[in-house]
Amino acid sequence: MSAPVFHALLPVRPAAPEDRSALGELDRATWSTLHAVQPRPLPPYQPFFDDRHRPEDYLVAEAATGEGQEIAGYLRLVPPTPLACNAHVRQIQGLAVAEWARGHGVARLLLRASYAEARRQGAGRITLRVLGHNAPARALYASEGFAVEGLLPGEFFLNGRYVDDVLMGRSLTD
């Protein structure tokens, strides 16, 4: 199957249960040790949505293409813990953009939509974790106002080398 021809981004929307197949395919297609610490998914594939990964936790970016509307990317936004003392924080726990949609501002659009959604949920702060060797993602997050707030050196062993886990965050009240 050939890649869709990108025409324009559509407004970001919450994921719906019927997005599960497309999101699962996108998740598998974008898997890489550049950002994933889990092994490559193999058949039989686990459902994209489950008790811990609910549709309402995801924002979806769609693009108008020559074939209609296609999911161009997603972002998972959740409370980092169930603790009341941590309820003012939301955490990005996944961001993926289809190869054919890269370079069109999809990730930045999803990030900015996540700030609005986190504020709507009452959050004043947003955090994420990114692998130290993922320079493109770290540069994007820094350009969006995220600062490095912690570092877990050699936290993961991927492709024969130790990789840092970088903790980043930003205020939503600025």
Protein backbone atom coordinates (compact mmCIF):
# COMPACT_ATOMS: atom_id res chain seq x y z
CA MET A 1 0.00 0.00 0.00
CA SER A 2 1.39 3.41 -0.93
CA ALA A 3 1.58 6.31 1.51
CA PRO A 4 -1.30 8.79 1.42
CA VAL A 5 -0.64 12.12 -0.28
CA PHE A 6 -0.70 14.78 2.44
CA HIS A 7 -2.93 17.81 1.78
CA ALA A 8 -3.78 19.51 5.09
CA LEU A 9 -4.00 18.93 8.83
CA LEU A 10 -7.43 18.78 10.42
CA PRO A 11 -8.23 19.85 14.00
CA VAL A 12 -6.98 17.47 16.69
CA ARG A 13 -9.74 15.39 18.23
CA PRO A 14 -10.12 12.85 21.04
CA ALA A 15 -9.65 9.25 19.96
CA ALA A 16 -12.74 7.08 19.52
CA PRO A 17 -13.07 3.31 20.04
CA GLU A 18 -13.36 2.84 16.27
CA ASP A 19 -9.82 4.27 15.88
CA ARG A 20 -8.30 1.19 17.54
CA SER A 21 -7.23 -0.61 14.35
CA ALA A 22 -5.72 2.47 12.68
CA LEU A 23 -3.94 3.49 15.89
CA GLY A 24 -2.61 -0.02 16.40
CA GLU A 25 -1.26 -0.07 12.84
CA LEU A 26 0.33 3.36 13.32
CA ASP A 27 1.87 2.27 16.62
CA ARG A 28 3.42 -0.82 15.04
CA ALA A 29 4.59 1.07 11.93
CA THR A 30 6.39 3.72 13.98
CA TRP A 31 8.01 1.35 16.49
CA SER A 32 11.74 2.03 16.89
CA THR A 33 14.40 1.71 19.58
CA LEU A 34 14.85 5.45 19.12
CA HIS A 35 11.81 5.89 21.37
CA ALA A 36 10.49 2.47 22.45
CA VAL A 37 11.77 0.43 25.38
CA GLN A 38 9.32 -2.43 24.82
CA PRO A 39 10.24 -5.16 22.33
CA ARG A 40 8.91 -4.85 18.78
CA PRO A 41 5.25 -5.96 18.77
CA LEU A 42 4.68 -9.29 17.07
CA PRO A 43 1.46 -11.09 16.11
CA PRO A 44 -0.89 -11.80 17.66
CA TYR A 45 -1.09 -8.08 18.43
CA GLN A 46 -2.50 -6.84 21.70
CA PRO A 47 -5.53 -4.54 21.42
CA PHE A 48 -4.53 -0.88 21.18
CA PHE A 49 -7.10 0.08 23.81
CA ASP A 50 -7.40 -1.72 27.14
CA ASP A 51 -8.21 -0.89 30.78
CA ARG A 52 -5.03 1.19 31.14
CA HIS A 53 -5.05 2.68 27.61
CA ARG A 54 -8.50 4.12 27.07
CA PRO A 55 -9.66 6.08 24.00
CA GLU A 56 -10.21 9.18 26.14
CA ASP A 57 -6.47 9.19 26.99
CA TYR A 58 -5.52 9.84 23.37
CA LEU A 59 -5.56 12.84 21.07
CA VAL A 60 -5.59 12.11 17.35
CA ALA A 61 -4.31 14.23 14.49
CA GLU A 62 -5.86 13.60 11.11
CA ALA A 63 -4.82 14.83 7.71
CA ALA A 64 -6.81 15.36 4.57
CA THR A 65 -5.20 13.18 1.94
CA GLY A 66 -5.94 12.17 -1.61
CA GLU A 67 -7.72 9.16 -0.08
CA GLY A 68 -9.91 11.10 2.41
CA GLN A 69 -9.04 11.52 6.08
CA GLU A 70 -6.17 9.52 7.53
CA ILE A 71 -4.81 9.37 11.07
CA ALA A 72 -1.48 11.16 10.92
CA GLY A 73 -0.49 10.82 14.57
CA TYR A 74 -1.53 10.42 18.17
CA LEU A 75 -0.52 11.55 21.64
CA ARG A 76 -1.37 9.83 24.94
CA LEU A 77 -2.02 12.21 27.84
CA VAL A 78 -2.68 10.84 31.34
CA PRO A 79 -2.19 11.65 35.02
CA PRO A 80 1.26 10.32 35.96
CA THR A 81 -0.06 8.78 39.20
CA PRO A 82 -3.45 8.23 40.85
CA LEU A 83 -2.41 10.41 43.83
CA ALA A 84 -4.49 13.49 44.69
CA CYS A 85 -1.30 15.42 45.51
CA ASN A 86 -0.19 14.86 41.87
CA ALA A 87 -3.53 15.71 40.23
CA HIS A 88 -2.23 19.03 38.88
CA VAL A 89 0.15 17.21 36.49
CA ARG A 90 -0.48 15.47 33.19
CA GLN A 91 2.09 13.31 31.47
CA ILE A 92 2.63 12.57 27.81
CA GLN A 93 3.10 8.81 27.60
CA GLY A 94 3.32 8.31 23.89
CA LEU A 95 3.56 10.35 20.72
CA ALA A 96 3.65 8.86 17.23
CA VAL A 97 3.49 10.38 13.75
CA ALA A 98 3.06 8.39 10.55
CA GLU A 99 6.10 8.42 8.30
CA TRP A 100 4.12 10.01 5.44
CA ALA A 101 2.98 12.85 7.75
CA ARG A 102 6.38 13.79 9.19
CA GLY A 103 7.65 17.28 8.49
CA HIS A 104 4.15 18.79 8.39
CA GLY A 105 3.91 19.93 12.04
CA VAL A 106 1.81 16.99 13.28
CA ALA A 107 3.84 16.42 16.47
CA ARG A 108 3.83 20.12 17.33
CA LEU A 109 0.07 20.30 16.68
CA LEU A 110 -0.50 17.33 19.00
CA LEU A 111 1.73 18.83 21.69
CA ARG A 112 -0.12 22.14 21.62
CA ALA A 113 -3.48 20.35 21.71
CA SER A 114 -2.25 18.41 24.74
CA TYR A 115 -1.52 21.66 26.60
CA ALA A 116 -5.09 22.83 26.03
CA GLU A 117 -6.50 19.44 27.04
CA ALA A 118 -4.33 19.27 30.16
CA ARG A 119 -5.47 22.77 31.17
CA ARG A 120 -9.10 21.76 30.52
CA GLN A 121 -8.54 18.87 32.93
CA GLY A 122 -7.23 21.30 35.57
CA ALA A 123 -3.50 20.65 35.15
CA GLY A 124 -0.92 23.36 35.62
CA ARG A 125 2.05 21.28 34.57
CA ILE A 126 2.92 18.70 31.91
CA THR A 127 5.78 16.20 31.89
CA LEU A 128 7.23 13.47 29.69
CA ARG A 129 10.09 11.02 29.45
CA VAL A 130 12.28 10.74 26.36
CA LEU A 131 15.25 8.52 25.59
CA GLY A 132 18.55 10.38 25.68
CA HIS A 133 19.53 9.34 22.16
CA ASN A 134 16.28 10.64 20.63
CA ALA A 135 17.73 14.00 19.57
CA PRO A 136 14.88 14.99 17.21
CA ALA A 137 12.24 14.54 19.94
CA ARG A 138 14.35 16.29 22.57
CA ALA A 139 14.84 19.26 20.22
CA LEU A 140 11.10 19.44 19.52
CA TYR A 141 10.23 19.33 23.22
CA ALA A 142 12.83 21.99 24.05
CA SER A 143 11.43 24.24 21.29
CA GLU A 144 8.01 23.85 22.92
CA GLY A 145 9.26 25.06 26.31
CA PHE A 146 10.06 21.73 27.97
CA ALA A 147 13.17 21.73 30.15
CA VAL A 148 15.25 18.79 31.31
CA GLU A 149 14.29 18.23 34.95
CA GLY A 150 16.01 14.95 35.58
CA LEU A 151 18.20 12.29 34.10
CA LEU A 152 18.38 8.57 34.80
CA PRO A 153 21.75 7.59 33.32
CA GLY A 154 21.90 4.23 31.56
CA GLU A 155 18.33 3.40 32.56
CA PHE A 156 17.70 1.18 29.52
CA PHE A 157 19.83 -1.28 27.55
CA LEU A 158 18.81 -1.02 23.88
CA ASN A 159 20.59 -2.36 20.81
CA GLY A 160 23.67 -3.29 22.81
CA ARG A 161 24.15 0.01 24.65
CA TYR A 162 22.92 1.83 27.71
CA VAL A 163 20.55 4.72 27.06
CA ASP A 164 19.58 7.55 29.41
CA ASP A 165 15.99 8.28 30.40
CA VAL A 166 15.48 12.05 30.27
CA LEU A 167 12.68 13.61 32.32
CA MET A 168 11.30 16.84 30.89
CA GLY A 169 8.52 19.17 31.98
CA ARG A 170 6.96 22.57 31.52
CA SER A 171 4.45 24.81 33.19
CA LEU A 172 1.04 25.30 31.65
CA THR A 173 0.47 28.57 33.47
CA ASP A 174 3.09 30.63 31.59
